[in-house]
Amino acid sequence: MPNVQAPSFLSGKAKQFGLPNPKASFADIHRNIEQGLLLDPLRNEHKITSNFPRTPFAKMVLLAVQSYEQNAATVQQMLDETLQKATAVDGVTGEKGLANYSASAVRAIAHIVGLLDRVSPNLLPRAVERFRLRDTFRFHLDTWILGRYYPIIGDTGIIGQQITQYCGVDFLRLPALGTGIFDPRPLFTSSMFTFFWRLYEHTGDVDFVRVLYQANANSVEGLPHDLLADNPARFQQRVKRVIAQHGATFSQSSVNKSQWHLAILRSGRGEHERAVWIDYDSGGGHGHHDALNVGMFAFGLDLMVDFGYPPVQYGGWESEKVRWYYSTAAHNTVVVDGRNQRGEAGRHTLWATVKGVQAIRVSAPAVYGIPQFERTLVMVDVSDKDFYVLDIFRVVGGSTHDRFMHSTFGSGGSPPRRREAPAGGDGRGGPLAPSAQFPQAPPREGARVGRFAFGTAAGAADERGRTDEEHAADGAAWMRC
């Protein structure tokens, strides 16, 4: 039943703010919704501009709400064009920020395809056949390590952050009235539990069932958390049958996402699971100057941390702190002549995985415009629980090579040694600092080593009386013009 007080209230607001539509009747209100909310954004796209692919998806929804029957062909064409671009790089957009911007686009794809799948049952199988949707929704499973970490690549996460749920979609349980800023969560949004079952039906990939089962706390209770589900009990039985037949453990192995330029070497099981990864490009959307940056997860820890999302709260995107997070020196790689890397892609020249030994070699000389900038990682299993990694870094060209290594808190020591950093600096591919001093070795034996390269724990001091804050200032000096 219509709210008879609505016209009175809305017409009063229209008069108060001098709005052209008087909203004095339900016809006026209907016209305002149609013209103001549904048609106006289509005529003025700048009002709904957002991160790709959310803007074209919003337009599809507006067209479908007006009349899906009349606009079905237009919506399908827009969907095809958008999915072609949004899945072009190993199934995703190619944007960096692995557990953030990369995942945001995947979530957007899931929401629009899941929504349109409701009104057009042939849409999902057609999309799976024509586009790389299996790769899209496997991407954040293939790159999920130890069930708690994603490589911190680009604008994403914080140091040592644990992510204990698959981040490719939002699995919401009923009731699910949401408060997401970038992912509005209305009660009638398409259920991702239903959507992942549909993916399983059309791809045969059992991991999609395992993902939805894990997201529901390894239970079938309450599935599929979907107000429009026709038979929840049957859904639960089907999931239970698949898990009983195939198990709940994900099928994950070493992987090389050659278009996204990320390789992960995996080994071990359970508490002895470990992985080493390497990122072999620099720059790009939400990317950092981080080619040939490596990371390692083992013993349940992130052993070679990345700083993560820049702290834009300190003066915006051009602040010294943000520029440090983006810098090559803030990553586990080599700095040539004190310069940040250019935005260029590398390539893998070796990929080998056999039982007990795995290797990846990547090359990216274009990031410095030098003859050779190459790194080789070899992971060797000694036993079920022990392993080692051989890391060979070859650099030819330039005059000064500085290798940076960042880790979590621990203990270490060696004789103090210092030298001058390379001269110059603009923070954008030029030299990083004029005559900046920086520590070249950890503090005295027994002192705790902080998250800054060669730093000390907050409040601690090395044998020269230098605190973590002073070491951090040394690192920041690399960023000053």
Protein backbone atom coordinates (compact mmCIF):
# COMPACT_ATOMS: atom_id res chain seq x y z
CA MET A 1 0.00 0.00 0.00
CA PRO A 2 1.40 3.45 -0.90
CA ASN A 3 2.48 5.73 1.89
CA VAL A 4 -0.14 8.50 1.73
CA GLN A 5 2.16 10.86 3.65
CA ALA A 6 4.97 10.61 1.10
CA PRO A 7 3.67 13.26 -1.37
CA SER A 8 3.07 15.74 1.44
CA PHE A 9 6.54 15.25 2.90
CA LEU A 10 8.38 15.28 -0.44
CA SER A 11 6.45 18.24 -1.85
CA GLY A 12 7.36 20.20 1.27
CA LYS A 13 11.05 19.41 0.70
CA ALA A 14 10.71 20.35 -2.97
CA LYS A 15 9.35 23.76 -2.00
CA GLN A 16 11.95 24.20 0.75
CA PHE A 17 14.87 23.62 -1.65
CA GLY A 18 13.32 25.06 -4.81
CA LEU A 19 13.31 21.79 -6.78
CA PRO A 20 11.72 21.78 -10.27
CA ASN A 21 9.65 18.62 -9.66
CA PRO A 22 6.90 19.50 -7.14
CA LYS A 23 6.47 15.85 -6.04
CA ALA A 24 2.91 16.71 -5.11
CA SER A 25 1.51 13.35 -6.30
CA PHE A 26 2.61 9.76 -6.73
CA ALA A 27 2.87 10.43 -10.48
CA ASP A 28 5.35 13.23 -9.74
CA ILE A 29 7.35 10.91 -7.46
CA HIS A 30 7.36 8.16 -10.10
CA ARG A 31 8.57 10.62 -12.71
CA ASN A 32 11.30 11.87 -10.38
CA ILE A 33 12.58 8.31 -9.78
CA GLU A 34 12.55 7.52 -13.49
CA GLN A 35 14.07 10.78 -14.69
CA GLY A 36 16.30 11.62 -11.75
CA LEU A 37 17.57 8.24 -10.55
CA LEU A 38 17.41 6.00 -13.62
CA LEU A 39 17.83 8.22 -16.68
CA ASP A 40 19.90 11.15 -15.40
CA PRO A 41 23.00 9.04 -14.56
CA LEU A 42 22.90 7.56 -18.06
CA ARG A 43 22.94 11.06 -19.53
CA ASN A 44 25.53 12.29 -17.02
CA GLU A 45 27.96 9.43 -16.54
CA HIS A 46 30.36 11.59 -14.53
CA LYS A 47 27.89 11.42 -11.63
CA ILE A 48 28.45 7.67 -11.24
CA THR A 49 32.08 7.37 -12.35
CA SER A 50 33.98 4.86 -10.23
CA ASN A 51 36.80 2.33 -10.44
CA PHE A 52 36.56 0.06 -13.47
CA PRO A 53 34.39 -1.92 -14.09
CA ARG A 54 31.80 -0.46 -11.72
CA THR A 55 30.65 2.40 -13.96
CA PRO A 56 29.55 0.26 -16.94
CA PHE A 57 28.02 -2.24 -14.53
CA ALA A 58 25.98 0.54 -12.89
CA LYS A 59 24.72 1.60 -16.31
CA MET A 60 23.68 -1.99 -17.07
CA VAL A 61 21.63 -2.12 -13.86
CA LEU A 62 19.93 1.19 -14.67
CA LEU A 63 19.01 -0.05 -18.14
CA ALA A 64 17.76 -3.38 -16.78
CA VAL A 65 15.60 -1.71 -14.12
CA GLN A 66 13.95 0.51 -16.74
CA SER A 67 13.06 -2.47 -18.93
CA TYR A 68 15.19 -5.55 -19.24
CA GLU A 69 13.08 -6.86 -22.11
CA GLN A 70 13.65 -3.71 -24.16
CA ASN A 71 17.29 -3.23 -23.19
CA ALA A 72 18.47 -6.88 -23.02
CA ALA A 73 20.54 -6.67 -26.23
CA THR A 74 22.20 -3.43 -25.12
CA VAL A 75 22.94 -4.84 -21.67
CA GLN A 76 24.42 -8.02 -23.17
CA GLN A 77 26.66 -6.03 -25.52
CA MET A 78 27.87 -3.80 -22.68
CA LEU A 79 28.51 -6.87 -20.52
CA ASP A 80 30.51 -8.58 -23.28
CA GLU A 81 32.64 -5.50 -23.91
CA THR A 82 33.30 -4.98 -20.21
CA LEU A 83 34.09 -8.62 -19.43
CA GLN A 84 36.49 -8.76 -22.36
CA LYS A 85 38.53 -5.96 -20.79
CA ALA A 86 37.98 -6.93 -17.15
CA THR A 87 39.25 -10.51 -17.62
CA ALA A 88 42.06 -9.83 -20.10
CA VAL A 89 45.02 -10.25 -17.72
CA ASP A 90 45.05 -13.79 -16.33
CA GLY A 91 41.31 -13.44 -15.77
CA VAL A 92 41.44 -10.06 -14.02
CA THR A 93 41.92 -6.41 -14.97
CA GLY A 94 45.69 -6.28 -14.45
CA GLU A 95 45.33 -3.58 -11.81
CA LYS A 96 47.73 -3.98 -8.89
CA GLY A 97 46.71 -3.97 -5.25
CA LEU A 98 46.22 -7.73 -5.22
CA ALA A 99 43.82 -8.09 -2.28
CA ASN A 100 42.30 -4.64 -2.80
CA TYR A 101 41.79 -3.08 -6.24
CA SER A 102 42.32 -6.36 -8.08
CA ALA A 103 39.78 -8.08 -5.85
CA SER A 104 37.34 -5.17 -6.05
CA ALA A 105 36.97 -5.64 -9.80
CA VAL A 106 36.42 -9.38 -9.34
CA ARG A 107 33.70 -8.67 -6.77
CA ALA A 108 32.02 -6.29 -9.19
CA ILE A 109 32.03 -8.95 -11.91
CA ALA A 110 30.50 -11.48 -9.50
CA HIS A 111 27.72 -9.10 -8.49
CA ILE A 112 26.65 -8.09 -12.00
CA VAL A 113 26.90 -11.57 -13.53
CA GLY A 114 25.15 -13.08 -10.50
CA LEU A 115 22.39 -10.49 -10.76
CA LEU A 116 21.82 -10.91 -14.49
CA ASP A 117 21.98 -14.68 -14.08
CA ARG A 118 18.70 -14.35 -12.18
CA VAL A 119 16.84 -12.96 -15.18
CA SER A 120 18.71 -14.73 -17.97
CA PRO A 121 19.68 -18.33 -17.09
CA ASN A 122 21.77 -18.68 -20.25
CA LEU A 123 23.93 -15.65 -19.46
CA LEU A 124 26.39 -17.34 -17.07
CA PRO A 125 27.16 -20.41 -19.20
CA ARG A 126 27.63 -18.11 -22.20
CA ALA A 127 29.99 -15.86 -20.21
CA VAL A 128 31.99 -18.85 -18.92
CA GLU A 129 32.38 -20.13 -22.46
CA ARG A 130 33.33 -16.79 -24.05
CA PHE A 131 35.43 -15.19 -21.31
CA ARG A 132 37.97 -16.26 -18.68
CA LEU A 133 35.58 -16.39 -15.74
CA ARG A 134 37.10 -19.57 -14.33
CA ASP A 135 40.48 -17.80 -14.23
CA THR A 136 38.79 -14.71 -12.78
CA PHE A 137 37.44 -16.48 -9.73
CA ARG A 138 40.45 -18.79 -9.33
CA PHE A 139 42.89 -15.84 -9.31
CA HIS A 140 42.44 -15.03 -5.62
CA LEU A 141 42.47 -18.73 -4.73
CA ASP A 142 45.67 -19.43 -6.66
CA THR A 143 47.35 -16.45 -4.93
CA TRP A 144 46.03 -17.17 -1.43
CA ILE A 145 48.84 -18.63 0.67
CA LEU A 146 48.67 -20.66 3.89
CA GLY A 147 44.97 -19.79 4.01
CA ARG A 148 45.86 -16.48 5.65
CA TYR A 149 48.05 -14.34 3.38
CA TYR A 150 48.08 -12.66 0.00
CA PRO A 151 51.29 -11.20 -1.47
CA ILE A 152 51.27 -7.50 -0.65
CA ILE A 153 51.73 -6.16 -4.18
CA GLY A 154 50.77 -2.58 -4.99
CA ASP A 155 48.21 -0.52 -3.09
CA THR A 156 46.87 -3.18 -0.76
CA GLY A 157 47.00 -4.30 2.84
CA ILE A 158 49.37 -3.51 5.68
CA ILE A 159 52.58 -5.08 6.93
CA GLY A 160 52.07 -8.71 7.89
CA GLN A 161 48.29 -8.53 7.39
CA GLN A 162 46.45 -11.82 7.61
CA ILE A 163 43.41 -12.42 5.37
CA THR A 164 41.75 -15.63 6.47
CA GLN A 165 38.93 -15.58 3.90
CA TYR A 166 39.05 -15.84 0.12
CA CYS A 167 38.87 -12.21 -0.96
CA GLY A 168 37.60 -12.62 -4.53
CA VAL A 169 33.97 -12.08 -3.47
CA ASP A 170 31.99 -11.15 -0.37
CA PHE A 171 30.20 -14.17 1.04
CA LEU A 172 27.39 -12.60 3.06
CA ARG A 173 25.06 -14.57 5.26
CA LEU A 174 21.44 -13.64 5.86
CA PRO A 175 20.39 -11.19 7.09
CA ALA A 176 22.83 -9.15 5.03
CA LEU A 177 21.87 -5.50 5.08
CA GLY A 178 25.30 -4.10 4.40
CA THR A 179 27.29 -0.97 5.13
CA GLY A 180 30.07 -1.36 2.60
CA ILE A 181 31.40 1.90 1.12
CA PHE A 182 32.58 0.39 -2.15
CA ASP A 183 30.38 -2.72 -2.04
CA PRO A 184 26.80 -1.82 -1.13
CA ARG A 185 25.14 -4.89 0.30
CA PRO A 186 21.36 -4.74 -0.04
CA LEU A 187 19.28 -7.57 1.33
CA PHE A 188 18.33 -8.76 -2.15
CA THR A 189 21.83 -8.81 -3.64
CA SER A 190 22.75 -11.99 -5.47
CA SER A 191 24.08 -14.65 -3.11
CA MET A 192 27.71 -15.49 -3.74
CA PHE A 193 27.08 -18.95 -2.31
CA THR A 194 24.54 -19.54 -5.07
CA PHE A 195 26.83 -17.91 -7.63
CA PHE A 196 29.81 -20.12 -6.76
CA TRP A 197 27.67 -23.23 -7.00
CA ARG A 198 26.60 -22.05 -10.45
CA LEU A 199 30.27 -21.57 -11.35
CA TYR A 200 30.94 -25.14 -10.29
CA GLU A 201 28.05 -26.38 -12.42
CA HIS A 202 29.40 -24.67 -15.53
CA THR A 203 33.16 -25.18 -15.02
CA GLY A 204 33.37 -28.47 -13.11
CA ASP A 205 35.94 -26.88 -10.77
CA VAL A 206 35.36 -28.43 -7.35
CA ASP A 207 37.37 -25.68 -5.65
CA PHE A 208 34.44 -23.31 -6.17
CA VAL A 209 32.34 -25.57 -3.92
CA ARG A 210 35.20 -25.78 -1.42
CA VAL A 211 35.45 -21.98 -1.34
CA LEU A 212 31.75 -21.48 -0.57
CA TYR A 213 31.88 -24.29 2.01
CA GLN A 214 34.91 -22.74 3.74
CA ALA A 215 33.24 -19.29 3.67
CA ASN A 216 30.31 -20.83 5.55
CA ALA A 217 32.61 -22.00 8.38
CA ASN A 218 33.05 -25.46 6.81
CA SER A 219 29.37 -26.19 7.20
CA VAL A 220 26.28 -26.48 5.02
CA GLU A 221 24.03 -24.95 7.66
CA GLY A 222 22.04 -22.00 6.32
CA LEU A 223 23.25 -22.37 2.74
CA PRO A 224 22.86 -20.75 0.30
CA HIS A 225 21.87 -17.62 2.31
CA ASP A 226 19.67 -16.61 -0.58
CA LEU A 227 16.12 -15.25 -0.21
CA LEU A 228 15.38 -16.38 -3.77
CA ALA A 229 16.66 -19.94 -3.39
CA ASP A 230 13.95 -22.38 -4.45
CA ASN A 231 15.16 -25.32 -2.34
CA PRO A 232 17.83 -24.60 0.31
CA ALA A 233 17.73 -28.15 1.68
CA ARG A 234 18.56 -29.60 -1.73
CA PHE A 235 21.38 -27.05 -2.15
CA GLN A 236 22.86 -28.13 1.18
CA GLN A 237 22.69 -31.80 0.27
CA ARG A 238 24.45 -31.19 -3.03
CA VAL A 239 27.29 -29.26 -1.36
CA LYS A 240 27.58 -31.92 1.33
CA ARG A 241 27.82 -34.63 -1.33
CA VAL A 242 30.58 -32.84 -3.26
CA ILE A 243 32.65 -32.22 -0.11
CA ALA A 244 32.20 -35.85 1.01
CA GLN A 245 33.39 -37.08 -2.38
CA HIS A 246 36.27 -34.67 -3.04
CA GLY A 247 37.24 -33.30 0.38
CA ALA A 248 37.43 -29.72 1.61
CA THR A 249 41.13 -29.09 0.92
CA PHE A 250 41.79 -26.67 -1.94
CA SER A 251 43.71 -27.80 -4.99
CA GLN A 252 46.57 -25.29 -4.98
CA SER A 253 50.00 -25.64 -6.55
CA SER A 254 52.85 -23.47 -7.78
CA VAL A 255 51.56 -20.98 -10.30
CA ASN A 256 52.95 -18.41 -12.72
CA LYS A 257 50.50 -15.64 -13.62
CA SER A 258 52.61 -14.54 -16.57
CA GLN A 259 50.33 -11.71 -17.72
CA TRP A 260 49.95 -10.29 -14.21
CA HIS A 261 53.70 -10.94 -13.71
CA LEU A 262 53.48 -12.88 -10.46
CA ALA A 263 54.96 -16.32 -9.77
CA ILE A 264 54.43 -18.37 -6.60
CA LEU A 265 56.43 -21.49 -5.66
CA ARG A 266 54.57 -23.65 -3.12
CA SER A 267 55.53 -26.66 -1.06
CA GLY A 268 54.63 -28.47 2.15
CA ARG A 269 51.30 -29.28 3.73
CA GLY A 270 49.37 -28.11 6.76
CA GLU A 271 51.52 -26.37 9.36
CA HIS A 272 54.59 -26.98 7.17
CA GLU A 273 53.17 -25.22 4.12
CA ARG A 274 55.49 -22.58 2.65
CA ALA A 275 55.72 -20.39 -0.41
CA VAL A 276 58.04 -17.90 -2.04
CA TRP A 277 56.79 -15.39 -4.61
CA ILE A 278 58.23 -12.88 -7.05
CA ASP A 279 56.61 -9.90 -8.76
CA TYR A 280 58.23 -9.10 -12.11
CA ASP A 281 56.86 -5.80 -13.30
CA SER A 282 56.93 -2.21 -12.07
CA GLY A 283 54.25 0.46 -11.99
CA GLY A 284 50.83 0.15 -13.60
CA GLY A 285 47.49 1.00 -12.04
CA HIS A 286 47.94 1.13 -8.26
CA GLY A 287 51.39 -0.43 -8.71
CA HIS A 288 54.72 0.38 -7.04
CA HIS A 289 58.32 0.58 -8.33
CA ASP A 290 58.81 -3.03 -7.29
CA ALA A 291 60.05 -5.26 -10.13
CA LEU A 292 61.79 -8.43 -8.92
CA ASN A 293 60.45 -7.90 -5.42
CA VAL A 294 60.18 -11.19 -3.54
CA GLY A 295 58.31 -12.43 -0.50
CA MET A 296 58.23 -15.57 1.62
CA PHE A 297 55.56 -17.19 3.78
CA ALA A 298 56.57 -20.02 6.10
CA PHE A 299 56.07 -21.20 9.69
CA GLY A 300 52.74 -19.39 9.62
CA LEU A 301 54.45 -16.01 9.13
CA ASP A 302 55.08 -13.37 6.50
CA LEU A 303 58.88 -13.44 6.66
CA MET A 304 59.66 -10.81 4.00
CA VAL A 305 57.12 -8.07 4.50
CA ASP A 306 55.96 -5.33 2.18
CA PHE A 307 54.76 -1.96 3.48
CA GLY A 308 51.40 -2.21 1.69
CA TYR A 309 48.91 0.58 1.05
CA PRO A 310 50.53 4.03 1.23
CA PRO A 311 49.58 6.22 4.24
CA VAL A 312 47.75 8.92 2.29
CA GLN A 313 46.48 10.47 5.54
CA TYR A 314 49.83 12.26 5.87
CA GLY A 315 49.46 14.91 3.19
CA GLY A 316 47.91 12.99 0.30
CA TRP A 317 49.42 11.01 -2.56
CA GLU A 318 52.51 13.21 -3.00
CA SER A 319 53.71 13.14 0.60
CA GLU A 320 57.16 11.84 1.50
CA LYS A 321 55.66 8.87 3.34
CA VAL A 322 53.61 7.83 0.31
CA ARG A 323 56.60 8.21 -2.00
CA TRP A 324 58.62 5.97 0.33
CA TYR A 325 55.99 3.21 0.14
CA TYR A 326 56.07 3.41 -3.66
CA SER A 327 59.87 3.51 -3.89
CA THR A 328 62.05 0.67 -5.10
CA ALA A 329 64.10 0.88 -1.89
CA ALA A 330 60.99 0.01 0.14
CA HIS A 331 60.86 -3.43 -1.52
CA ASN A 332 62.93 -6.61 -1.43
CA THR A 333 64.83 -5.93 -4.61
CA VAL A 334 67.89 -4.10 -5.98
CA VAL A 335 68.18 -0.34 -6.50
CA VAL A 336 70.45 0.71 -9.36
CA ASP A 337 72.23 4.07 -9.05
CA GLY A 338 69.80 5.18 -6.35
CA ARG A 339 66.94 5.39 -8.83
CA ASN A 340 63.36 4.24 -8.69
CA GLN A 341 62.45 1.78 -11.41
CA ARG A 342 60.52 2.84 -14.49
CA GLY A 343 57.08 1.46 -15.16
CA GLU A 344 57.90 -1.57 -17.32
CA ALA A 345 57.02 -5.27 -17.46
CA GLY A 346 59.44 -8.16 -17.20
CA ARG A 347 59.13 -11.74 -18.42
CA HIS A 348 59.90 -15.18 -17.12
CA THR A 349 62.74 -17.05 -18.80
CA LEU A 350 62.61 -20.23 -16.71
CA TRP A 351 59.73 -22.08 -15.05
CA ALA A 352 60.35 -25.57 -13.68
CA THR A 353 58.41 -27.58 -11.11
CA VAL A 354 59.34 -31.14 -10.23
CA LYS A 355 58.97 -33.02 -6.97
CA GLY A 356 61.28 -31.47 -4.40
CA VAL A 357 62.73 -28.73 -6.62
CA GLN A 358 61.00 -25.73 -8.19
CA ALA A 359 62.47 -22.73 -9.99
CA ILE A 360 61.51 -19.42 -11.57
CA ARG A 361 63.82 -17.00 -13.38
CA VAL A 362 62.58 -13.57 -14.43
CA SER A 363 64.17 -10.71 -16.31
CA ALA A 364 63.24 -7.01 -16.35
CA PRO A 365 66.16 -4.92 -17.67
CA ALA A 366 63.80 -2.27 -19.08
CA VAL A 367 62.94 -1.00 -15.60
CA TYR A 368 66.43 0.52 -15.48
CA GLY A 369 67.37 0.52 -19.14
CA ILE A 370 70.40 -1.67 -18.45
CA PRO A 371 71.72 -4.88 -20.07
CA GLN A 372 70.71 -7.26 -17.28
CA PHE A 373 68.33 -7.16 -14.32
CA GLU A 374 67.49 -10.77 -13.56
CA ARG A 375 66.53 -12.85 -10.55
CA THR A 376 66.35 -16.61 -10.09
CA LEU A 377 64.59 -18.36 -7.21
CA VAL A 378 64.97 -22.08 -6.56
CA MET A 379 62.96 -23.71 -3.77
CA VAL A 380 64.41 -27.02 -2.58
CA ASP A 381 62.64 -29.36 -0.14
CA VAL A 382 64.95 -30.98 2.39
CA SER A 383 62.11 -32.83 4.13
CA ASP A 384 58.38 -32.51 4.64
CA LYS A 385 58.97 -29.60 7.01
CA ASP A 386 62.38 -28.17 6.02
CA PHE A 387 63.42 -26.32 2.88
CA TYR A 388 65.71 -23.65 1.56
CA VAL A 389 65.54 -21.07 -1.24
CA LEU A 390 68.45 -20.25 -3.54
CA ASP A 391 68.21 -16.61 -4.62
CA ILE A 392 70.48 -15.39 -7.44
CA PHE A 393 70.28 -11.74 -8.48
CA ARG A 394 72.23 -10.67 -11.59
CA VAL A 395 72.63 -6.99 -12.40
CA VAL A 396 74.74 -5.60 -15.26
CA GLY A 397 74.72 -1.86 -15.85
CA GLY A 398 74.84 1.27 -13.75
CA SER A 399 77.54 2.04 -11.23
CA THR A 400 75.94 1.31 -7.85
CA HIS A 401 73.78 -1.68 -6.86
CA ASP A 402 72.02 -1.62 -3.47
CA ARG A 403 70.10 -4.71 -2.42
CA PHE A 404 67.28 -4.17 0.05
CA MET A 405 65.77 -6.72 2.41
CA HIS A 406 62.80 -6.02 4.68
CA SER A 407 61.59 -8.45 7.29
CA THR A 408 59.50 -8.74 10.39
CA PHE A 409 60.80 -8.37 13.95
CA GLY A 410 63.63 -10.65 15.00
CA SER A 411 67.16 -10.70 16.38
CA GLY A 412 70.42 -10.29 14.57
CA GLY A 413 73.76 -8.55 14.58
CA SER A 414 76.97 -7.75 12.73
CA PRO A 415 79.62 -5.05 12.93
CA PRO A 416 78.22 -1.62 12.11
CA ARG A 417 79.11 -0.27 8.70
CA ARG A 418 77.86 2.81 6.90
CA ARG A 419 78.41 4.46 3.58
CA GLU A 420 77.02 7.23 1.41
CA ALA A 421 73.83 6.59 -0.57
CA PRO A 422 73.96 7.50 -4.27
CA ALA A 423 73.50 11.19 -5.04
CA GLY A 424 70.60 12.94 -6.77
CA GLY A 425 66.88 12.44 -6.40
CA ASP A 426 63.38 13.19 -7.59
CA GLY A 427 61.44 10.09 -6.41
CA ARG A 428 60.01 9.33 -9.88
CA GLY A 429 62.64 7.26 -11.62
CA GLY A 430 65.49 9.64 -10.82
CA PRO A 431 68.11 9.27 -8.07
CA LEU A 432 66.54 9.03 -4.64
CA ALA A 433 68.63 11.25 -2.39
CA PRO A 434 71.56 13.65 -2.26
CA SER A 435 74.35 12.35 0.00
CA ALA A 436 71.95 10.57 2.36
CA GLN A 437 73.45 8.38 5.05
CA PHE A 438 71.85 5.00 5.63
CA PRO A 439 72.73 2.03 7.84
CA GLN A 440 74.24 -0.88 5.96
CA ALA A 441 74.00 -3.55 8.66
CA PRO A 442 71.72 -4.62 11.54
CA PRO A 443 72.39 -3.32 15.04
CA ARG A 444 74.54 -4.96 17.69
CA GLU A 445 74.11 -8.62 18.58
CA GLY A 446 70.83 -9.25 20.34
CA ALA A 447 69.10 -6.01 19.42
CA ARG A 448 65.68 -6.43 17.82
CA VAL A 449 65.47 -5.59 14.14
CA GLY A 450 62.47 -3.51 13.12
CA ARG A 451 60.40 -3.50 9.96
CA PHE A 452 62.48 -0.79 8.33
CA ALA A 453 65.44 -2.00 6.30
CA PHE A 454 68.28 -2.49 8.75
CA GLY A 455 66.34 -0.64 11.49
CA THR A 456 65.78 -1.36 15.18
CA ALA A 457 62.59 -1.93 17.11
CA ALA A 458 60.72 1.15 18.28
CA GLY A 459 62.37 2.55 21.39
CA ALA A 460 65.45 0.35 21.05
CA ALA A 461 68.87 1.76 20.21
CA ASP A 462 71.94 0.30 18.55
CA GLU A 463 75.47 0.57 19.86
CA ARG A 464 75.72 4.08 18.43
CA GLY A 465 72.60 5.13 20.37
CA ARG A 466 70.49 5.39 17.19
CA THR A 467 66.78 4.58 17.57
CA ASP A 468 64.30 3.11 15.13
CA GLU A 469 62.98 6.59 14.40
CA GLU A 470 66.48 7.72 13.35
CA HIS A 471 66.90 4.67 11.14
CA ALA A 472 63.49 5.42 9.62
CA ALA A 473 64.68 8.94 8.92
CA ASP A 474 67.64 7.43 7.07
CA GLY A 475 65.19 5.52 4.88
CA ALA A 476 63.09 8.63 4.36
CA ALA A 477 66.19 10.50 3.23
CA TRP A 478 66.16 8.35 0.13
CA MET A 479 62.90 10.01 -0.83
CA ARG A 480 63.86 13.65 -0.39
CA CYS A 481 64.45 15.77 -3.44
